[in-house]
Amino acid sequence: MTGTPASVGRPALTRRRALTAALGAGAAVLGAGALSGCGSALAAGDSTVRLWDLFSGADGGLLNDMVRKARPDMPGTRIERTVLEWGTPYYTKLAMASAGGRGPDVAVAHLSRLAGYAPTGLVDPWDLDLLAEFGVRRSDFADAVWSRTQYEGRTYAIPLDTHPFIVFFHPEPVRKAGLLTKDGTLDADAFSSPDKFLAAGRELAKASGKQGIAFGYATDTAQGWRLFYGLYRQTGGAFTLPAGGPAEVDVDRMAEVIAFMAKLVDGRANPKRLDYAAGLASFTNGQTAMILSGEWELGTFRAADKNVGAAPMPTVFGTPAVYADSHSFVLPHREHPDEDHRRRTHQAIAALLKAGQIWATAGHIPAYEPITRTPEYAALLPQEHYKSAADHVVLDPAVWFAGAGSDFQNAMSQVLQQALLDGLAPDRAARAMVRRLNTFLAKPSPA
């Protein structure tokens, strides 16, 4: 834009554009500081807890509301947020800043990424006794999520939420198809096998007069993997990835899941070639009665249908399992952390967790379970109807190269797209995925 007059070639400055520009500028400055040592978190005032996160837009606004709500529980403490770009750029900055001891006091990270940070010393363990002083205890979290916070017997992440891959639906066509229970929730038994699930899709197509179940995956870097891995873990098949390889998996069960996914998007009862945005549009426009998607799209769907329903991903292959991830808090490594400031950081995070009802309004399931046991949470619909997903979540394999926004998810999704879009046979697709798994396993962690 250098040399361009301010009034030429620029869109009107709206509040949204101003916020986006401010966040982008902050990320650029902080990224440079993290790498150079300038603006290091060590220079922050003793009363300021510096937080890096990746929440912009509506989620960013909600986190600001949580900070305000938390103030009475952290007297004298100020949380200073810096928002960075989601995905690989965020995790690269976090790793480099942590390696140099110049990271923030605390950072948000996907729990699926922890395997690339805890074993390499890039994050420090949390003091559970100190958290307990501020009213947050191990017993306040579901086992399925908490188990992934551990490394060598110590806790390296404190979960903020669980955000699962679930089912959204428009109640009227689902009711017309006979797939709702008396209390208005989804009849899980009607989706409890591959044949039943596909038959339900056909009934939904008849009831809607259009199509049944949408799944936006074409050209997306993660959607195919999210659906596949959750369903595969329902089969009970092994998925062990030892360092150096080879992968220990059940190729036949992988092929069975891929074959089911291909039938689900065969273009008959359900649409075939939908990218992520087209999948959302087909559901919000009423072209499909149901969609398989992440709970993070609740706001989008509710804007189109205030009565939108939701449920955990049905158990199609016998064993309850729901693909998910978790936004969590981690402590970037400090060689000699200030004990008083670490205490202040623990207090601030405990206070934010207690403000989790605000976070729940966006659809995220608060990981701090005292929130989900309140009457206020029970009044949140459809959140109350899918909160049980947190009891059966499965995250990406606990290896350094997997997790949110990773090349691994993209590589797996590329193979799945060949099977769903181009007709690659399920057994060949499964073997291709295994070859890619072994390629990743053969690489040492760059950290």
Protein backbone atom coordinates (compact mmCIF):
# COMPACT_ATOMS: atom_id res chain seq x y z
CA MET A 1 0.00 0.00 0.00
CA THR A 2 3.05 2.28 0.05
CA GLY A 3 2.42 5.43 -1.95
CA THR A 4 -1.35 4.87 -2.13
CA PRO A 5 -3.43 7.87 -1.03
CA ALA A 6 -5.50 7.14 2.03
CA SER A 7 -8.74 7.72 0.16
CA VAL A 8 -7.89 5.55 -2.85
CA GLY A 9 -8.00 1.76 -3.13
CA ARG A 10 -8.94 1.13 0.51
CA PRO A 11 -12.26 -0.25 1.77
CA ALA A 12 -14.22 1.77 4.27
CA LEU A 13 -12.90 1.41 7.80
CA THR A 14 -15.47 -0.56 9.77
CA ARG A 15 -15.19 -1.69 13.38
CA ARG A 16 -14.49 -5.24 12.19
CA ARG A 17 -11.74 -4.09 9.81
CA ALA A 18 -10.20 -1.91 12.49
CA LEU A 19 -10.14 -4.83 14.93
CA THR A 20 -8.66 -7.18 12.34
CA ALA A 21 -5.98 -4.65 11.43
CA ALA A 22 -5.12 -4.06 15.07
CA LEU A 23 -4.83 -7.79 15.78
CA GLY A 24 -2.70 -8.30 12.68
CA ALA A 25 -0.37 -5.47 13.63
CA GLY A 26 -0.06 -6.78 17.17
CA ALA A 27 0.81 -10.24 15.91
CA ALA A 28 3.50 -8.89 13.62
CA VAL A 29 5.14 -6.78 16.32
CA LEU A 30 4.97 -9.56 18.88
CA GLY A 31 6.29 -12.12 16.46
CA ALA A 32 9.35 -10.00 15.85
CA GLY A 33 9.81 -9.40 19.55
CA ALA A 34 9.54 -13.07 20.36
CA LEU A 35 12.34 -13.91 17.97
CA SER A 36 14.61 -11.00 18.75
CA GLY A 37 14.11 -10.69 22.48
CA CYS A 38 12.62 -7.19 22.14
CA GLY A 39 9.35 -6.79 23.99
CA SER A 40 9.98 -9.97 25.93
CA ALA A 41 7.34 -11.11 28.37
CA LEU A 42 10.02 -10.80 31.08
CA ALA A 43 9.65 -7.03 30.84
CA ALA A 44 5.98 -7.11 31.82
CA GLY A 45 4.88 -5.54 35.10
CA ASP A 46 4.58 -7.86 38.07
CA SER A 47 0.80 -7.43 38.13
CA THR A 48 0.36 -8.27 34.43
CA VAL A 49 -0.14 -11.83 33.19
CA ARG A 50 0.68 -11.89 29.51
CA LEU A 51 -1.40 -14.32 27.45
CA TRP A 52 -0.91 -15.41 23.86
CA ASP A 53 -3.98 -16.87 22.18
CA LEU A 54 -5.49 -17.48 18.75
CA PHE A 55 -9.03 -16.23 19.36
CA SER A 56 -10.24 -13.48 17.07
CA GLY A 57 -13.78 -12.61 16.03
CA ALA A 58 -16.61 -13.72 18.29
CA ASP A 59 -14.44 -16.04 20.38
CA GLY A 60 -12.00 -13.22 21.01
CA GLY A 61 -14.83 -11.05 22.27
CA LEU A 62 -16.01 -13.82 24.57
CA LEU A 63 -12.53 -14.25 26.02
CA ASN A 64 -12.46 -10.53 26.77
CA ASP A 65 -15.79 -10.94 28.56
CA MET A 66 -14.31 -13.82 30.56
CA VAL A 67 -11.35 -11.68 31.61
CA ARG A 68 -13.75 -9.03 32.91
CA LYS A 69 -15.86 -11.66 34.68
CA ALA A 70 -12.73 -13.17 36.27
CA ARG A 71 -11.40 -9.94 37.83
CA PRO A 72 -12.95 -10.45 41.28
CA ASP A 73 -11.18 -13.84 41.50
CA MET A 74 -7.76 -12.38 40.64
CA PRO A 75 -7.54 -9.09 42.57
CA GLY A 76 -4.69 -6.86 41.53
CA THR A 77 -3.94 -8.88 38.37
CA ARG A 78 -4.29 -7.67 34.80
CA ILE A 79 -4.41 -10.08 31.84
CA GLU A 80 -2.84 -8.72 28.68
CA ARG A 81 -3.90 -10.62 25.56
CA THR A 82 -2.00 -10.84 22.30
CA VAL A 83 -3.80 -12.55 19.43
CA LEU A 84 -1.72 -14.36 16.81
CA GLU A 85 -2.56 -16.09 13.54
CA TRP A 86 -4.13 -19.53 13.92
CA GLY A 87 -2.27 -22.62 12.72
CA THR A 88 1.38 -23.27 11.94
CA PRO A 89 2.49 -19.61 12.33
CA TYR A 90 1.16 -19.59 15.88
CA TYR A 91 2.85 -22.80 16.94
CA THR A 92 6.12 -21.82 15.27
CA LYS A 93 6.22 -18.53 17.22
CA LEU A 94 5.26 -20.29 20.44
CA ALA A 95 7.99 -22.93 20.04
CA MET A 96 10.72 -20.43 19.19
CA ALA A 97 9.77 -18.04 21.99
CA SER A 98 9.57 -20.88 24.51
CA ALA A 99 12.93 -22.30 23.41
CA GLY A 100 14.54 -18.94 24.15
CA GLY A 101 12.68 -18.38 27.41
CA ARG A 102 11.05 -15.30 25.93
CA GLY A 103 7.47 -16.46 25.66
CA PRO A 104 4.45 -15.01 27.45
CA ASP A 105 3.48 -16.02 30.97
CA VAL A 106 0.80 -18.36 29.61
CA ALA A 107 -0.43 -19.38 26.17
CA VAL A 108 -3.40 -21.15 24.62
CA ALA A 109 -2.53 -24.30 22.71
CA HIS A 110 -4.54 -27.15 21.28
CA LEU A 111 -4.14 -30.16 23.52
CA SER A 112 -3.47 -32.26 20.42
CA ARG A 113 -0.23 -30.29 20.00
CA LEU A 114 1.16 -30.98 23.46
CA ALA A 115 3.17 -34.02 22.36
CA GLY A 116 5.41 -31.66 20.38
CA TYR A 117 6.04 -29.40 23.37
CA ALA A 118 6.12 -31.22 26.73
CA PRO A 119 8.74 -33.90 25.86
CA THR A 120 11.10 -31.26 24.43
CA GLY A 121 10.96 -28.92 27.42
CA LEU A 122 9.20 -26.12 25.57
CA VAL A 123 6.53 -25.85 28.27
CA ASP A 124 6.72 -26.13 32.05
CA PRO A 125 4.46 -28.25 34.28
CA TRP A 126 1.58 -26.75 36.24
CA ASP A 127 1.50 -26.82 40.04
CA LEU A 128 -1.73 -28.65 40.86
CA ASP A 129 -1.46 -27.83 44.57
CA LEU A 130 -1.30 -24.16 43.69
CA LEU A 131 -4.32 -24.44 41.37
CA ALA A 132 -6.20 -26.23 44.15
CA GLU A 133 -5.61 -23.21 46.40
CA PHE A 134 -7.62 -21.24 43.85
CA GLY A 135 -10.42 -23.80 43.66
CA VAL A 136 -9.44 -25.82 40.56
CA ARG A 137 -8.70 -29.53 41.06
CA ARG A 138 -7.93 -32.59 38.97
CA SER A 139 -11.36 -34.01 39.81
CA ASP A 140 -12.98 -31.06 38.02
CA PHE A 141 -12.03 -32.42 34.56
CA ALA A 142 -13.20 -35.41 32.51
CA ASP A 143 -10.73 -38.29 32.33
CA ALA A 144 -10.86 -38.41 28.53
CA VAL A 145 -9.44 -34.88 28.25
CA TRP A 146 -7.24 -34.81 31.36
CA SER A 147 -5.32 -37.92 30.30
CA ARG A 148 -3.80 -35.95 27.43
CA THR A 149 -2.42 -33.24 29.72
CA GLN A 150 0.09 -35.66 31.22
CA TYR A 151 3.73 -36.32 30.45
CA GLU A 152 5.94 -38.44 32.72
CA GLY A 153 3.50 -38.07 35.58
CA ARG A 154 3.22 -34.28 35.49
CA THR A 155 0.53 -31.94 34.14
CA TYR A 156 1.60 -29.75 31.22
CA ALA A 157 -1.75 -28.30 30.13
CA ILE A 158 -4.94 -27.10 31.79
CA PRO A 159 -7.94 -27.60 29.46
CA LEU A 160 -10.26 -24.67 28.82
CA ASP A 161 -12.76 -26.59 26.70
CA THR A 162 -13.58 -29.59 24.59
CA HIS A 163 -14.63 -28.82 21.03
CA PRO A 164 -15.96 -32.01 19.45
CA PHE A 165 -17.00 -33.00 15.94
CA ILE A 166 -20.77 -33.52 16.29
CA VAL A 167 -24.11 -33.66 14.48
CA PHE A 168 -26.32 -30.61 13.88
CA PHE A 169 -29.86 -30.93 12.56
CA HIS A 170 -33.00 -29.00 11.72
CA PRO A 171 -35.63 -30.42 14.10
CA GLU A 172 -38.62 -30.40 11.76
CA PRO A 173 -37.39 -32.78 9.01
CA VAL A 174 -35.70 -34.98 11.63
CA ARG A 175 -38.99 -35.23 13.51
CA LYS A 176 -40.84 -35.93 10.26
CA ALA A 177 -38.38 -38.75 9.52
CA GLY A 178 -39.10 -40.30 12.91
CA LEU A 179 -35.55 -39.79 14.17
CA LEU A 180 -36.28 -37.73 17.30
CA THR A 181 -37.02 -39.09 20.76
CA LYS A 182 -39.99 -37.89 22.84
CA ASP A 183 -37.83 -35.31 24.60
CA GLY A 184 -36.71 -33.80 21.29
CA THR A 185 -33.20 -35.24 21.21
CA LEU A 186 -31.72 -37.28 18.36
CA ASP A 187 -32.52 -40.99 18.38
CA ALA A 188 -28.97 -42.33 18.59
CA ASP A 189 -30.10 -45.92 17.97
CA ALA A 190 -31.34 -44.92 14.52
CA PHE A 191 -27.72 -44.17 13.57
CA SER A 192 -26.02 -47.02 15.46
CA SER A 193 -24.58 -48.96 12.52
CA PRO A 194 -23.33 -48.10 9.04
CA ASP A 195 -26.52 -49.45 7.44
CA LYS A 196 -28.77 -47.61 9.91
CA PHE A 197 -26.85 -44.37 9.43
CA LEU A 198 -27.17 -44.53 5.65
CA ALA A 199 -30.87 -45.47 5.92
CA ALA A 200 -31.39 -42.46 8.21
CA GLY A 201 -29.82 -40.25 5.56
CA ARG A 202 -32.32 -41.54 3.00
CA GLU A 203 -35.23 -40.89 5.36
CA LEU A 204 -33.96 -37.38 6.04
CA ALA A 205 -33.76 -36.71 2.31
CA LYS A 206 -37.39 -37.80 1.93
CA ALA A 207 -38.52 -35.71 4.90
CA SER A 208 -36.74 -32.57 3.72
CA GLY A 209 -37.68 -33.07 0.09
CA LYS A 210 -34.07 -32.31 -0.77
CA GLN A 211 -31.02 -34.07 0.68
CA GLY A 212 -30.23 -35.78 3.96
CA ILE A 213 -26.81 -35.34 5.55
CA ALA A 214 -24.15 -32.80 4.56
CA PHE A 215 -20.44 -33.19 5.13
CA GLY A 216 -18.15 -30.44 3.83
CA TYR A 217 -14.75 -32.02 3.19
CA ALA A 218 -13.61 -31.45 -0.41
CA THR A 219 -10.30 -29.52 -0.53
CA ASP A 220 -10.38 -29.08 3.26
CA THR A 221 -7.19 -29.88 5.18
CA ALA A 222 -8.79 -31.50 8.22
CA GLN A 223 -12.47 -32.46 7.83
CA GLY A 224 -11.88 -35.85 6.23
CA TRP A 225 -9.46 -36.81 8.98
CA ARG A 226 -11.81 -35.62 11.75
CA LEU A 227 -14.63 -37.86 10.58
CA PHE A 228 -12.37 -40.79 9.75
CA TYR A 229 -10.41 -40.88 12.99
CA GLY A 230 -13.47 -40.57 15.23
CA LEU A 231 -15.19 -43.41 13.36
CA TYR A 232 -12.05 -45.55 13.27
CA ARG A 233 -11.64 -45.28 17.03
CA GLN A 234 -15.24 -46.48 17.32
CA THR A 235 -14.15 -49.76 15.72
CA GLY A 236 -11.75 -50.45 18.59
CA GLY A 237 -8.92 -50.90 16.11
CA ALA A 238 -5.34 -50.20 17.19
CA PHE A 239 -3.75 -46.94 16.13
CA THR A 240 -0.30 -46.97 17.73
CA LEU A 241 2.47 -44.81 16.28
CA PRO A 242 5.83 -45.76 17.79
CA ALA A 243 8.82 -43.49 17.14
CA GLY A 244 10.56 -44.55 13.95
CA GLY A 245 7.59 -46.70 12.88
CA PRO A 246 6.06 -48.73 11.52
CA ALA A 247 2.49 -47.74 12.37
CA GLU A 248 0.50 -50.39 14.23
CA VAL A 249 -3.00 -50.11 12.76
CA ASP A 250 -5.81 -52.31 11.51
CA VAL A 251 -5.90 -51.77 7.76
CA ASP A 252 -9.10 -53.77 7.32
CA ARG A 253 -10.97 -51.60 9.82
CA MET A 254 -9.54 -48.48 8.23
CA ALA A 255 -10.89 -49.66 4.87
CA GLU A 256 -14.28 -50.42 6.44
CA VAL A 257 -14.57 -46.85 7.73
CA ILE A 258 -13.45 -45.36 4.42
CA ALA A 259 -16.01 -47.49 2.55
CA PHE A 260 -18.74 -46.16 4.86
CA MET A 261 -17.61 -42.56 4.35
CA ALA A 262 -17.69 -43.06 0.57
CA LYS A 263 -21.28 -44.33 0.72
CA LEU A 264 -22.24 -41.42 2.96
CA VAL A 265 -21.24 -38.94 0.23
CA ASP A 266 -22.22 -40.95 -2.84
CA GLY A 267 -24.52 -38.21 -4.14
CA ARG A 268 -27.72 -40.18 -3.68
CA ALA A 269 -29.47 -39.25 -0.44
CA ASN A 270 -26.57 -37.07 0.64
CA PRO A 271 -24.55 -34.51 -1.37
CA LYS A 272 -21.22 -35.71 -2.76
CA ARG A 273 -18.78 -32.92 -3.57
CA LEU A 274 -18.99 -30.27 -0.85
CA ASP A 275 -16.11 -28.12 0.30
CA TYR A 276 -16.25 -26.74 3.83
CA ALA A 277 -18.08 -23.52 2.97
CA ALA A 278 -20.53 -25.29 0.66
CA GLY A 279 -21.33 -27.77 3.41
CA LEU A 280 -22.17 -24.96 5.81
CA ALA A 281 -24.27 -23.23 3.16
CA SER A 282 -26.23 -26.36 2.28
CA PHE A 283 -27.28 -26.70 5.90
CA THR A 284 -27.93 -23.06 6.73
CA ASN A 285 -29.98 -22.69 3.52
CA GLY A 286 -32.11 -25.72 4.39
CA GLN A 287 -30.82 -27.82 1.49
CA THR A 288 -29.90 -30.62 3.90
CA ALA A 289 -31.56 -31.72 7.12
CA MET A 290 -28.37 -32.59 9.00
CA ILE A 291 -24.65 -31.81 8.91
CA LEU A 292 -21.54 -33.41 10.40
CA SER A 293 -19.42 -30.54 11.69
CA GLY A 294 -17.57 -29.04 14.63
CA GLU A 295 -19.45 -27.48 17.51
CA TRP A 296 -17.58 -24.26 16.75
CA GLU A 297 -20.11 -23.63 13.97
CA LEU A 298 -23.02 -23.34 16.40
CA GLY A 299 -23.21 -19.56 16.04
CA THR A 300 -23.36 -19.82 12.25
CA PHE A 301 -26.14 -22.40 12.33
CA ARG A 302 -28.16 -20.73 15.05
CA ALA A 303 -28.19 -17.49 13.07
CA ALA A 304 -30.04 -19.39 10.33
CA ASP A 305 -32.23 -21.53 12.59
CA LYS A 306 -32.58 -20.47 16.23
CA ASN A 307 -34.03 -23.90 17.05
CA VAL A 308 -31.14 -25.87 15.53
CA GLY A 309 -30.56 -29.19 17.27
CA ALA A 310 -27.32 -31.00 18.01
CA ALA A 311 -26.08 -34.30 19.39
CA PRO A 312 -22.79 -36.12 19.95
CA MET A 313 -21.49 -38.02 16.94
CA PRO A 314 -23.51 -41.28 16.95
CA THR A 315 -21.73 -44.53 17.77
CA VAL A 316 -21.71 -46.15 14.34
CA PHE A 317 -19.10 -48.87 14.91
CA GLY A 318 -19.80 -50.15 18.41
CA THR A 319 -17.48 -48.23 20.75
CA PRO A 320 -18.39 -44.68 21.85
CA ALA A 321 -15.79 -42.23 20.50
CA VAL A 322 -16.10 -38.62 19.40
CA TYR A 323 -13.30 -36.81 17.59
CA ALA A 324 -12.39 -33.61 19.39
CA ASP A 325 -9.66 -31.25 20.44
CA SER A 326 -9.24 -28.97 23.43
CA HIS A 327 -8.06 -25.39 23.79
CA SER A 328 -5.76 -25.52 26.79
CA PHE A 329 -3.44 -23.28 28.77
CA VAL A 330 0.29 -24.01 28.78
CA LEU A 331 3.25 -22.40 30.55
CA PRO A 332 6.00 -21.49 28.05
CA HIS A 333 9.36 -22.51 29.47
CA ARG A 334 11.25 -20.20 31.79
CA GLU A 335 14.70 -21.20 33.03
CA HIS A 336 14.21 -19.43 36.35
CA PRO A 337 10.51 -18.53 36.70
CA ASP A 338 9.56 -15.94 39.30
CA GLU A 339 7.58 -17.85 41.92
CA ASP A 340 5.28 -14.97 42.82
CA HIS A 341 4.47 -14.31 39.17
CA ARG A 342 3.83 -17.99 38.49
CA ARG A 343 1.46 -17.96 41.46
CA ARG A 344 -0.34 -14.98 39.93
CA THR A 345 -0.56 -16.83 36.60
CA HIS A 346 -2.11 -19.89 38.26
CA GLN A 347 -4.65 -17.67 39.99
CA ALA A 348 -5.56 -15.93 36.72
CA ILE A 349 -6.14 -19.21 34.84
CA ALA A 350 -8.25 -20.59 37.68
CA ALA A 351 -10.35 -17.42 37.53
CA LEU A 352 -10.81 -17.75 33.76
CA LEU A 353 -11.93 -21.37 34.08
CA LYS A 354 -14.58 -20.33 36.60
CA ALA A 355 -15.92 -17.84 34.03
CA GLY A 356 -16.47 -20.70 31.57
CA GLN A 357 -20.24 -20.21 31.30
CA ILE A 358 -19.45 -17.30 28.98
CA TRP A 359 -17.28 -19.56 26.79
CA ALA A 360 -20.08 -22.14 26.66
CA THR A 361 -22.42 -19.72 24.91
CA ALA A 362 -20.35 -20.14 21.73
CA GLY A 363 -20.90 -23.90 21.77
CA HIS A 364 -17.62 -25.01 23.36
CA ILE A 365 -17.98 -27.51 26.20
CA PRO A 366 -16.19 -26.07 29.27
CA ALA A 367 -13.54 -28.51 30.44
CA TYR A 368 -14.00 -27.27 34.02
CA GLU A 369 -16.96 -29.50 34.82
CA PRO A 370 -18.47 -27.50 37.71
CA ILE A 371 -19.69 -25.16 34.94
CA THR A 372 -21.51 -27.91 33.03
CA ARG A 373 -23.29 -29.05 36.20
CA THR A 374 -25.07 -25.73 36.79
CA PRO A 375 -28.70 -24.87 36.01
CA GLU A 376 -27.40 -22.02 33.84
CA TYR A 377 -25.55 -24.46 31.60
CA ALA A 378 -28.51 -26.86 31.50
CA ALA A 379 -30.55 -24.00 30.06
CA LEU A 380 -28.17 -23.68 27.12
CA LEU A 381 -29.58 -25.53 24.14
CA PRO A 382 -28.46 -27.40 22.16
CA GLN A 383 -25.20 -27.37 24.19
CA GLU A 384 -26.77 -29.39 27.01
CA HIS A 385 -27.73 -32.07 24.48
CA TYR A 386 -24.17 -32.78 23.32
CA LYS A 387 -22.11 -32.14 26.46
CA SER A 388 -21.80 -35.91 27.00
CA ALA A 389 -19.44 -35.97 24.02
CA ALA A 390 -16.71 -34.81 26.44
CA ASP A 391 -16.83 -38.22 28.14
CA HIS A 392 -15.80 -40.08 24.98
CA VAL A 393 -13.49 -37.72 23.13
CA VAL A 394 -10.49 -38.90 21.17
CA LEU A 395 -7.80 -36.46 20.13
CA ASP A 396 -5.20 -36.83 17.40
CA PRO A 397 -2.53 -39.44 18.14
CA ALA A 398 -0.06 -38.20 20.77
CA VAL A 399 2.88 -37.71 18.41
CA TRP A 400 4.85 -34.55 17.67
CA PHE A 401 3.69 -34.19 14.06
CA ALA A 402 -0.08 -34.51 14.63
CA GLY A 403 -2.64 -32.08 15.97
CA ALA A 404 -4.64 -29.05 14.95
CA GLY A 405 -3.53 -27.33 11.76
CA SER A 406 -0.77 -29.89 11.12
CA ASP A 407 0.62 -31.19 7.84
CA PHE A 408 -0.31 -34.62 9.14
CA GLN A 409 -4.05 -33.86 9.11
CA ASN A 410 -3.70 -32.46 5.61
CA ALA A 411 -1.84 -35.54 4.36
CA MET A 412 -4.48 -37.90 5.75
CA SER A 413 -7.33 -35.78 4.37
CA GLN A 414 -5.76 -35.73 0.90
CA VAL A 415 -5.88 -39.51 0.71
CA LEU A 416 -9.44 -39.58 2.01
CA GLN A 417 -10.51 -37.06 -0.62
CA GLN A 418 -9.13 -39.38 -3.31
CA ALA A 419 -11.36 -42.13 -1.94
CA LEU A 420 -14.48 -39.99 -1.58
CA LEU A 421 -14.14 -37.87 -4.71
CA ASP A 422 -12.10 -39.91 -7.18
CA GLY A 423 -13.11 -43.48 -6.38
CA LEU A 424 -9.83 -44.72 -4.88
CA ALA A 425 -10.67 -48.16 -3.47
CA PRO A 426 -11.00 -48.17 0.34
CA ASP A 427 -8.28 -50.80 0.86
CA ARG A 428 -5.86 -48.90 -1.35
CA ALA A 429 -6.70 -45.65 0.45
CA ALA A 430 -6.04 -47.32 3.81
CA ARG A 431 -2.64 -48.57 2.66
CA ALA A 432 -1.80 -45.14 1.27
CA MET A 433 -2.60 -43.60 4.66
CA VAL A 434 -0.33 -46.12 6.37
CA ARG A 435 2.54 -45.25 4.01
CA ARG A 436 2.13 -41.59 4.87
CA LEU A 437 2.00 -42.44 8.56
CA ASN A 438 5.29 -44.30 8.27
CA THR A 439 6.88 -41.38 6.44
CA PHE A 440 5.97 -39.06 9.30
CA LEU A 441 7.17 -41.57 11.89
CA ALA A 442 10.55 -41.83 10.19
CA LYS A 443 11.20 -38.12 10.76
CA PRO A 444 12.72 -36.89 14.03
CA SER A 445 11.02 -34.06 15.89
CA PRO A 446 12.57 -30.73 14.79
CA ALA A 447 12.37 -29.54 18.41
